[in-house]
Amino acid sequence: MENRKQLLIVAHAPSPNTLKLREAVERGACHEDIENVDVRVLAPLQAGPEDVLACDAIILGTTENLGYMSGALKDFFDRSYYPCLEKTQGLPFAYYIRAGHDGTGTQRAIESITTGLRWKQVQEPLLCRGEYRDAFQEQCLELGLYVAASLDAGLI
């Protein structure tokens, strides 16, 4: 019997370039060699605690806004935090930040919230810093691929 895993991608993509990053994460996660992972992609304002409770791993994506995560991702956390707090401890997660500056404030904020949730970070944060470069898309593709492949192999 097949035991399919659920990978949730919750990423804010307010511009064409950030949409390219979210799509790259999804392409990586849906690689043809990954057999037992279903991928669901939602914007933060569409995602909620029921989506988190139904997944086996999550990838978060956000822009850096005034040295913090996007308001949309913060809203997702605000709505999901308490319903998920006791039920998702140990949830494997990874994240990427599209940072026009250094991304450190955004990184601290995400780590603070996910530490409170007791989620388990399974990849180093991907910080796409400075001027937009096409190389960010390849990095995001690899992030999606690595998380999905790890989930598929039962490593996370």
N, C-alpha and C. Protein backbone atom coordinates (compact mmCIF):
# COMPACT_ATOMS: atom_id res chain seq x y z
N MET A 1 0.84 -1.19 0.00
CA MET A 1 0.00 0.00 0.00
C MET A 1 0.88 1.24 0.00
N GLU A 2 0.51 2.19 -0.80
CA GLU A 2 1.28 3.40 -0.96
C GLU A 2 1.05 4.36 0.22
N ASN A 3 2.13 4.90 0.75
CA ASN A 3 2.03 5.86 1.84
C ASN A 3 2.55 7.20 1.34
N ARG A 4 1.67 7.96 0.71
CA ARG A 4 2.07 9.23 0.11
C ARG A 4 2.25 10.29 1.20
N LYS A 5 3.28 11.10 1.02
CA LYS A 5 3.57 12.20 1.94
C LYS A 5 3.06 13.50 1.33
N GLN A 6 2.76 14.44 2.20
CA GLN A 6 2.24 15.74 1.78
C GLN A 6 3.25 16.83 2.08
N LEU A 7 3.68 17.53 1.04
CA LEU A 7 4.57 18.67 1.19
C LEU A 7 3.78 19.93 0.89
N LEU A 8 3.77 20.85 1.84
CA LEU A 8 3.07 22.11 1.69
C LEU A 8 4.09 23.22 1.45
N ILE A 9 3.84 24.02 0.43
CA ILE A 9 4.66 25.20 0.15
C ILE A 9 3.77 26.41 0.39
N VAL A 10 4.16 27.24 1.34
CA VAL A 10 3.43 28.48 1.64
C VAL A 10 4.40 29.62 1.38
N ALA A 11 4.16 30.33 0.28
CA ALA A 11 5.13 31.35 -0.12
C ALA A 11 4.44 32.59 -0.67
N HIS A 12 4.91 33.72 -0.21
CA HIS A 12 4.41 35.01 -0.67
C HIS A 12 5.15 35.39 -1.94
N ALA A 13 4.39 35.69 -2.99
CA ALA A 13 5.00 35.99 -4.30
C ALA A 13 4.31 37.21 -4.91
N PRO A 14 4.63 38.40 -4.41
CA PRO A 14 3.93 39.60 -4.88
C PRO A 14 4.45 40.20 -6.18
N SER A 15 5.53 39.65 -6.73
CA SER A 15 6.11 40.22 -7.95
C SER A 15 6.44 39.09 -8.93
N PRO A 16 6.68 39.43 -10.17
CA PRO A 16 7.06 38.38 -11.14
C PRO A 16 8.32 37.61 -10.71
N ASN A 17 9.30 38.28 -10.14
CA ASN A 17 10.52 37.58 -9.72
C ASN A 17 10.27 36.66 -8.53
N THR A 18 9.48 37.09 -7.56
CA THR A 18 9.21 36.21 -6.42
C THR A 18 8.31 35.05 -6.84
N LEU A 19 7.47 35.27 -7.83
CA LEU A 19 6.67 34.17 -8.37
C LEU A 19 7.58 33.14 -9.03
N LYS A 20 8.62 33.59 -9.74
CA LYS A 20 9.59 32.67 -10.33
C LYS A 20 10.26 31.81 -9.25
N LEU A 21 10.53 32.40 -8.10
CA LEU A 21 11.16 31.64 -7.01
C LEU A 21 10.20 30.59 -6.47
N ARG A 22 8.96 30.99 -6.23
CA ARG A 22 7.98 30.01 -5.72
C ARG A 22 7.77 28.89 -6.72
N GLU A 23 7.69 29.22 -8.00
CA GLU A 23 7.53 28.20 -9.04
C GLU A 23 8.75 27.28 -9.12
N ALA A 24 9.93 27.82 -8.88
CA ALA A 24 11.15 27.00 -8.89
C ALA A 24 11.13 26.00 -7.73
N VAL A 25 10.70 26.45 -6.56
CA VAL A 25 10.58 25.53 -5.41
C VAL A 25 9.62 24.40 -5.76
N GLU A 26 8.50 24.76 -6.36
CA GLU A 26 7.51 23.75 -6.73
C GLU A 26 8.06 22.79 -7.78
N ARG A 27 8.75 23.31 -8.79
CA ARG A 27 9.35 22.43 -9.82
C ARG A 27 10.32 21.44 -9.19
N GLY A 28 11.14 21.92 -8.28
CA GLY A 28 12.08 21.03 -7.61
C GLY A 28 11.36 19.96 -6.80
N ALA A 29 10.32 20.38 -6.08
CA ALA A 29 9.58 19.43 -5.25
C ALA A 29 8.81 18.41 -6.07
N CYS A 30 8.47 18.75 -7.30
CA CYS A 30 7.72 17.86 -8.18
C CYS A 30 8.61 17.11 -9.17
N HIS A 31 9.89 17.03 -8.88
CA HIS A 31 10.84 16.36 -9.77
C HIS A 31 10.34 14.95 -10.08
N GLU A 32 10.59 14.50 -11.30
CA GLU A 32 10.09 13.20 -11.76
C GLU A 32 10.59 12.02 -10.95
N ASP A 33 11.72 12.15 -10.28
CA ASP A 33 12.26 11.04 -9.48
C ASP A 33 11.60 10.91 -8.11
N ILE A 34 10.83 11.89 -7.73
CA ILE A 34 10.14 11.85 -6.43
C ILE A 34 8.79 11.20 -6.65
N GLU A 35 8.60 10.05 -6.01
CA GLU A 35 7.45 9.22 -6.34
C GLU A 35 6.29 9.30 -5.37
N ASN A 36 6.55 9.52 -4.09
CA ASN A 36 5.49 9.40 -3.09
C ASN A 36 5.22 10.68 -2.32
N VAL A 37 5.38 11.81 -2.99
CA VAL A 37 5.14 13.11 -2.35
C VAL A 37 4.16 13.90 -3.20
N ASP A 38 3.09 14.33 -2.57
CA ASP A 38 2.14 15.24 -3.21
C ASP A 38 2.48 16.65 -2.73
N VAL A 39 2.53 17.58 -3.67
CA VAL A 39 2.92 18.95 -3.37
C VAL A 39 1.71 19.87 -3.50
N ARG A 40 1.53 20.69 -2.51
CA ARG A 40 0.45 21.69 -2.52
C ARG A 40 1.08 23.05 -2.32
N VAL A 41 0.74 24.00 -3.17
CA VAL A 41 1.29 25.35 -3.11
C VAL A 41 0.17 26.33 -2.80
N LEU A 42 0.37 27.11 -1.75
CA LEU A 42 -0.63 28.11 -1.37
C LEU A 42 0.04 29.44 -1.05
N ALA A 43 -0.66 30.51 -1.37
CA ALA A 43 -0.24 31.83 -0.90
C ALA A 43 -0.55 31.89 0.60
N PRO A 44 0.22 32.65 1.37
CA PRO A 44 -0.01 32.70 2.81
C PRO A 44 -1.43 33.08 3.22
N LEU A 45 -2.07 33.96 2.48
CA LEU A 45 -3.43 34.36 2.84
C LEU A 45 -4.46 33.29 2.52
N GLN A 46 -4.09 32.29 1.72
CA GLN A 46 -4.97 31.17 1.40
C GLN A 46 -4.74 29.98 2.33
N ALA A 47 -3.59 29.93 2.97
CA ALA A 47 -3.22 28.79 3.81
C ALA A 47 -3.67 29.03 5.25
N GLY A 48 -3.95 27.94 5.92
CA GLY A 48 -4.35 28.04 7.32
C GLY A 48 -3.92 26.82 8.11
N PRO A 49 -4.33 26.76 9.35
CA PRO A 49 -3.90 25.66 10.22
C PRO A 49 -4.29 24.29 9.70
N GLU A 50 -5.43 24.18 9.05
CA GLU A 50 -5.85 22.87 8.51
C GLU A 50 -4.87 22.36 7.47
N ASP A 51 -4.26 23.27 6.71
CA ASP A 51 -3.27 22.88 5.71
C ASP A 51 -1.99 22.39 6.37
N VAL A 52 -1.59 23.05 7.44
CA VAL A 52 -0.38 22.65 8.17
C VAL A 52 -0.61 21.30 8.85
N LEU A 53 -1.78 21.13 9.45
CA LEU A 53 -2.08 19.87 10.13
C LEU A 53 -2.12 18.69 9.16
N ALA A 54 -2.39 18.95 7.89
CA ALA A 54 -2.50 17.88 6.89
C ALA A 54 -1.17 17.57 6.20
N CYS A 55 -0.12 18.32 6.49
CA CYS A 55 1.13 18.10 5.76
C CYS A 55 2.16 17.34 6.60
N ASP A 56 3.13 16.78 5.89
CA ASP A 56 4.23 16.06 6.53
C ASP A 56 5.50 16.90 6.59
N ALA A 57 5.55 17.97 5.80
CA ALA A 57 6.67 18.91 5.80
C ALA A 57 6.18 20.19 5.13
N ILE A 58 6.88 21.29 5.41
CA ILE A 58 6.46 22.59 4.87
C ILE A 58 7.68 23.39 4.44
N ILE A 59 7.54 24.09 3.32
CA ILE A 59 8.54 25.05 2.87
C ILE A 59 7.86 26.42 2.88
N LEU A 60 8.50 27.36 3.54
CA LEU A 60 7.98 28.72 3.63
C LEU A 60 8.80 29.64 2.73
N GLY A 61 8.15 30.62 2.15
CA GLY A 61 8.86 31.61 1.34
C GLY A 61 8.30 32.99 1.60
N THR A 62 9.18 33.96 1.70
CA THR A 62 8.74 35.32 1.96
C THR A 62 9.69 36.34 1.38
N THR A 63 9.17 37.52 1.20
CA THR A 63 10.00 38.66 0.89
C THR A 63 10.44 39.29 2.21
N GLU A 64 11.47 40.08 2.13
CA GLU A 64 11.90 40.89 3.26
C GLU A 64 11.19 42.23 3.12
N ASN A 65 10.37 42.56 4.11
CA ASN A 65 9.62 43.81 4.09
C ASN A 65 9.97 44.62 5.32
N LEU A 66 10.67 45.72 5.12
CA LEU A 66 11.07 46.59 6.23
C LEU A 66 11.82 45.81 7.31
N GLY A 67 12.68 44.89 6.87
CA GLY A 67 13.48 44.11 7.80
C GLY A 67 12.72 43.00 8.49
N TYR A 68 11.57 42.62 7.97
CA TYR A 68 10.73 41.60 8.58
C TYR A 68 10.12 40.74 7.48
N MET A 69 9.45 39.66 7.86
CA MET A 69 8.76 38.83 6.87
C MET A 69 7.58 39.60 6.31
N SER A 70 7.03 39.12 5.20
CA SER A 70 5.86 39.77 4.61
C SER A 70 4.69 39.73 5.60
N GLY A 71 3.84 40.72 5.50
CA GLY A 71 2.64 40.74 6.34
C GLY A 71 1.76 39.53 6.08
N ALA A 72 1.76 39.05 4.84
CA ALA A 72 0.95 37.88 4.50
C ALA A 72 1.45 36.64 5.23
N LEU A 73 2.77 36.42 5.27
CA LEU A 73 3.29 35.26 5.99
C LEU A 73 3.07 35.41 7.49
N LYS A 74 3.22 36.62 8.01
CA LYS A 74 2.96 36.86 9.44
C LYS A 74 1.50 36.55 9.75
N ASP A 75 0.59 36.95 8.86
CA ASP A 75 -0.83 36.65 9.05
C ASP A 75 -1.06 35.13 9.08
N PHE A 76 -0.40 34.41 8.18
CA PHE A 76 -0.49 32.95 8.17
C PHE A 76 -0.07 32.38 9.54
N PHE A 77 1.06 32.85 10.04
CA PHE A 77 1.52 32.39 11.35
C PHE A 77 0.54 32.78 12.46
N ASP A 78 0.01 33.99 12.42
CA ASP A 78 -0.93 34.44 13.44
C ASP A 78 -2.16 33.54 13.48
N ARG A 79 -2.65 33.14 12.32
CA ARG A 79 -3.85 32.30 12.27
C ARG A 79 -3.56 30.83 12.58
N SER A 80 -2.33 30.42 12.37
CA SER A 80 -1.99 28.99 12.50
C SER A 80 -1.30 28.63 13.80
N TYR A 81 -0.70 29.58 14.46
CA TYR A 81 0.17 29.29 15.59
C TYR A 81 -0.53 28.44 16.67
N TYR A 82 -1.58 28.95 17.27
CA TYR A 82 -2.19 28.22 18.38
C TYR A 82 -2.90 26.94 17.96
N PRO A 83 -3.60 26.91 16.82
CA PRO A 83 -4.21 25.65 16.40
C PRO A 83 -3.17 24.55 16.11
N CYS A 84 -1.95 24.95 15.75
CA CYS A 84 -0.91 23.98 15.39
C CYS A 84 0.08 23.71 16.52
N LEU A 85 0.10 24.55 17.52
CA LEU A 85 1.15 24.53 18.54
C LEU A 85 1.40 23.14 19.14
N GLU A 86 0.40 22.49 19.60
CA GLU A 86 0.57 21.19 20.26
C GLU A 86 0.53 20.02 19.29
N LYS A 87 0.11 20.27 18.05
CA LYS A 87 -0.14 19.18 17.11
C LYS A 87 0.92 19.00 16.04
N THR A 88 1.81 19.97 15.88
CA THR A 88 2.78 19.89 14.78
C THR A 88 4.22 19.94 15.26
N GLN A 89 4.45 19.66 16.52
CA GLN A 89 5.82 19.68 17.03
C GLN A 89 6.66 18.68 16.24
N GLY A 90 7.85 19.11 15.85
CA GLY A 90 8.74 18.26 15.07
C GLY A 90 8.48 18.31 13.57
N LEU A 91 7.53 19.15 13.12
CA LEU A 91 7.23 19.23 11.69
C LEU A 91 8.48 19.69 10.93
N PRO A 92 8.94 18.91 9.96
CA PRO A 92 10.10 19.32 9.16
C PRO A 92 9.76 20.55 8.32
N PHE A 93 10.67 21.53 8.33
CA PHE A 93 10.43 22.73 7.53
C PHE A 93 11.74 23.29 7.00
N ALA A 94 11.58 24.09 5.96
CA ALA A 94 12.68 24.85 5.38
C ALA A 94 12.07 26.16 4.91
N TYR A 95 12.93 27.13 4.60
CA TYR A 95 12.39 28.39 4.10
C TYR A 95 13.42 29.14 3.27
N TYR A 96 12.87 30.05 2.48
CA TYR A 96 13.71 30.95 1.70
C TYR A 96 13.20 32.37 1.87
N ILE A 97 14.11 33.31 1.75
CA ILE A 97 13.80 34.73 1.88
C ILE A 97 14.34 35.46 0.66
N ARG A 98 13.51 36.23 0.02
CA ARG A 98 13.96 37.13 -1.05
C ARG A 98 14.21 38.48 -0.38
N ALA A 99 15.48 38.76 -0.15
CA ALA A 99 15.88 39.92 0.65
C ALA A 99 16.59 40.95 -0.21
N GLY A 100 16.04 42.12 -0.27
CA GLY A 100 16.71 43.21 -0.96
C GLY A 100 17.92 43.71 -0.18
N HIS A 101 17.89 43.51 1.13
CA HIS A 101 19.01 43.90 1.98
C HIS A 101 19.69 42.64 2.49
N ASP A 102 19.73 42.46 3.82
CA ASP A 102 20.47 41.29 4.33
C ASP A 102 19.59 40.14 4.81
N GLY A 103 18.32 40.37 5.06
CA GLY A 103 17.41 39.29 5.44
C GLY A 103 17.50 38.82 6.87
N THR A 104 18.39 39.41 7.67
CA THR A 104 18.60 38.88 9.02
C THR A 104 17.40 39.10 9.93
N GLY A 105 16.71 40.23 9.82
CA GLY A 105 15.53 40.45 10.65
C GLY A 105 14.42 39.48 10.30
N THR A 106 14.26 39.22 9.03
CA THR A 106 13.27 38.26 8.56
C THR A 106 13.61 36.86 9.05
N GLN A 107 14.87 36.51 8.96
CA GLN A 107 15.34 35.20 9.42
C GLN A 107 15.09 35.05 10.92
N ARG A 108 15.43 36.05 11.70
CA ARG A 108 15.20 35.99 13.15
C ARG A 108 13.72 35.80 13.47
N ALA A 109 12.86 36.52 12.75
CA ALA A 109 11.43 36.42 13.00
C ALA A 109 10.89 35.02 12.71
N ILE A 110 11.28 34.46 11.57
CA ILE A 110 10.83 33.12 11.21
C ILE A 110 11.36 32.10 12.22
N GLU A 111 12.61 32.22 12.59
CA GLU A 111 13.19 31.28 13.54
C GLU A 111 12.54 31.39 14.92
N SER A 112 12.17 32.59 15.31
CA SER A 112 11.50 32.77 16.60
C SER A 112 10.15 32.06 16.62
N ILE A 113 9.38 32.25 15.57
CA ILE A 113 8.05 31.63 15.51
C ILE A 113 8.16 30.11 15.38
N THR A 114 9.03 29.63 14.50
CA THR A 114 9.14 28.18 14.31
C THR A 114 9.77 27.48 15.51
N THR A 115 10.61 28.20 16.24
CA THR A 115 11.13 27.64 17.49
C THR A 115 10.00 27.49 18.50
N GLY A 116 9.14 28.49 18.57
CA GLY A 116 7.98 28.40 19.47
C GLY A 116 7.07 27.25 19.10
N LEU A 117 6.91 27.01 17.81
CA LEU A 117 6.09 25.89 17.34
C LEU A 117 6.80 24.54 17.52
N ARG A 118 8.10 24.60 17.75
CA ARG A 118 8.96 23.41 17.89
C ARG A 118 9.02 22.60 16.59
N TRP A 119 9.03 23.33 15.47
CA TRP A 119 9.24 22.68 14.18
C TRP A 119 10.72 22.37 14.02
N LYS A 120 11.02 21.43 13.14
CA LYS A 120 12.41 20.98 12.94
C LYS A 120 12.93 21.48 11.59
N GLN A 121 13.90 22.37 11.63
CA GLN A 121 14.49 22.90 10.40
C GLN A 121 15.37 21.84 9.77
N VAL A 122 15.10 21.52 8.49
CA VAL A 122 15.81 20.42 7.83
C VAL A 122 16.77 20.89 6.75
N GLN A 123 16.80 22.17 6.48
CA GLN A 123 17.74 22.76 5.52
C GLN A 123 18.17 24.13 6.07
N GLU A 124 19.36 24.52 5.73
CA GLU A 124 19.79 25.87 6.08
C GLU A 124 18.88 26.86 5.37
N PRO A 125 18.61 28.01 5.99
CA PRO A 125 17.79 29.02 5.31
C PRO A 125 18.43 29.45 3.99
N LEU A 126 17.62 29.63 2.99
CA LEU A 126 18.09 30.14 1.71
C LEU A 126 17.80 31.63 1.67
N LEU A 127 18.86 32.42 1.68
CA LEU A 127 18.72 33.88 1.63
C LEU A 127 19.12 34.37 0.25
N CYS A 128 18.15 34.79 -0.51
CA CYS A 128 18.38 35.34 -1.85
C CYS A 128 18.54 36.84 -1.69
N ARG A 129 19.78 37.28 -1.47
CA ARG A 129 20.07 38.66 -1.08
C ARG A 129 20.48 39.54 -2.25
N GLY A 130 20.18 40.84 -2.09
CA GLY A 130 20.67 41.85 -3.02
C GLY A 130 19.86 41.93 -4.29
N GLU A 131 20.51 42.43 -5.34
CA GLU A 131 19.84 42.53 -6.63
C GLU A 131 19.40 41.14 -7.10
N TYR A 132 18.25 41.09 -7.76
CA TYR A 132 17.74 39.81 -8.24
C TYR A 132 18.69 39.19 -9.25
N ARG A 133 18.94 37.89 -9.07
CA ARG A 133 19.78 37.13 -10.00
C ARG A 133 19.04 35.85 -10.39
N ASP A 134 19.21 35.43 -11.63
CA ASP A 134 18.57 34.20 -12.09
C ASP A 134 19.04 32.99 -11.28
N ALA A 135 20.23 33.06 -10.69
CA ALA A 135 20.76 31.95 -9.88
C ALA A 135 19.84 31.65 -8.69
N PHE A 136 19.06 32.63 -8.25
CA PHE A 136 18.13 32.40 -7.14
C PHE A 136 17.14 31.30 -7.50
N GLN A 137 16.74 31.25 -8.76
CA GLN A 137 15.76 30.24 -9.19
C GLN A 137 16.34 28.84 -9.05
N GLU A 138 17.58 28.66 -9.43
CA GLU A 138 18.23 27.35 -9.30
C GLU A 138 18.36 26.95 -7.84
N GLN A 139 18.68 27.91 -6.98
CA GLN A 139 18.79 27.64 -5.55
C GLN A 139 17.43 27.23 -4.97
N CYS A 140 16.38 27.90 -5.41
CA CYS A 140 15.04 27.56 -4.93
C CYS A 140 14.60 26.19 -5.45
N LEU A 141 14.93 25.89 -6.69
CA LEU A 141 14.63 24.57 -7.25
C LEU A 141 15.31 23.49 -6.41
N GLU A 142 16.57 23.70 -6.08
CA GLU A 142 17.30 22.73 -5.25
C GLU A 142 16.67 22.59 -3.87
N LEU A 143 16.22 23.69 -3.29
CA LEU A 143 15.57 23.63 -1.98
C LEU A 143 14.34 22.73 -2.05
N GLY A 144 13.49 22.97 -3.04
CA GLY A 144 12.29 22.14 -3.19
C GLY A 144 12.63 20.69 -3.43
N LEU A 145 13.63 20.45 -4.27
CA LEU A 145 14.05 19.08 -4.58
C LEU A 145 14.57 18.37 -3.34
N TYR A 146 15.45 19.01 -2.59
CA TYR A 146 16.05 18.37 -1.42
C TYR A 146 15.02 18.04 -0.35
N VAL A 147 14.11 18.97 -0.11
CA VAL A 147 13.10 18.71 0.93
C VAL A 147 12.17 17.58 0.47
N ALA A 148 11.69 17.64 -0.76
CA ALA A 148 10.79 16.60 -1.25
C ALA A 148 11.48 15.24 -1.33
N ALA A 149 12.73 15.23 -1.79
CA ALA A 149 13.45 13.95 -1.88
C ALA A 149 13.70 13.37 -0.49
N SER A 150 14.01 14.21 0.47
CA SER A 150 14.19 13.73 1.85
C SER A 150 12.90 13.18 2.42
N LEU A 151 11.81 13.83 2.12
CA LEU A 151 10.51 13.35 2.57
C LEU A 151 10.18 12.03 1.88
N ASP A 152 10.42 11.95 0.59
CA ASP A 152 10.16 10.73 -0.19
C ASP A 152 10.97 9.56 0.32
N ALA A 153 12.22 9.82 0.71
CA ALA A 153 13.11 8.75 1.19
C ALA A 153 12.90 8.40 2.65
N GLY A 154 12.02 9.13 3.33
CA GLY A 154 11.78 8.86 4.74
C GLY A 154 12.85 9.39 5.66
N LEU A 155 13.66 10.32 5.15
CA LEU A 155 14.73 10.90 5.98
C LEU A 155 14.22 11.98 6.91
N ILE A 156 13.10 12.57 6.55
CA ILE A 156 12.49 13.58 7.42
C ILE A 156 11.04 13.22 7.65
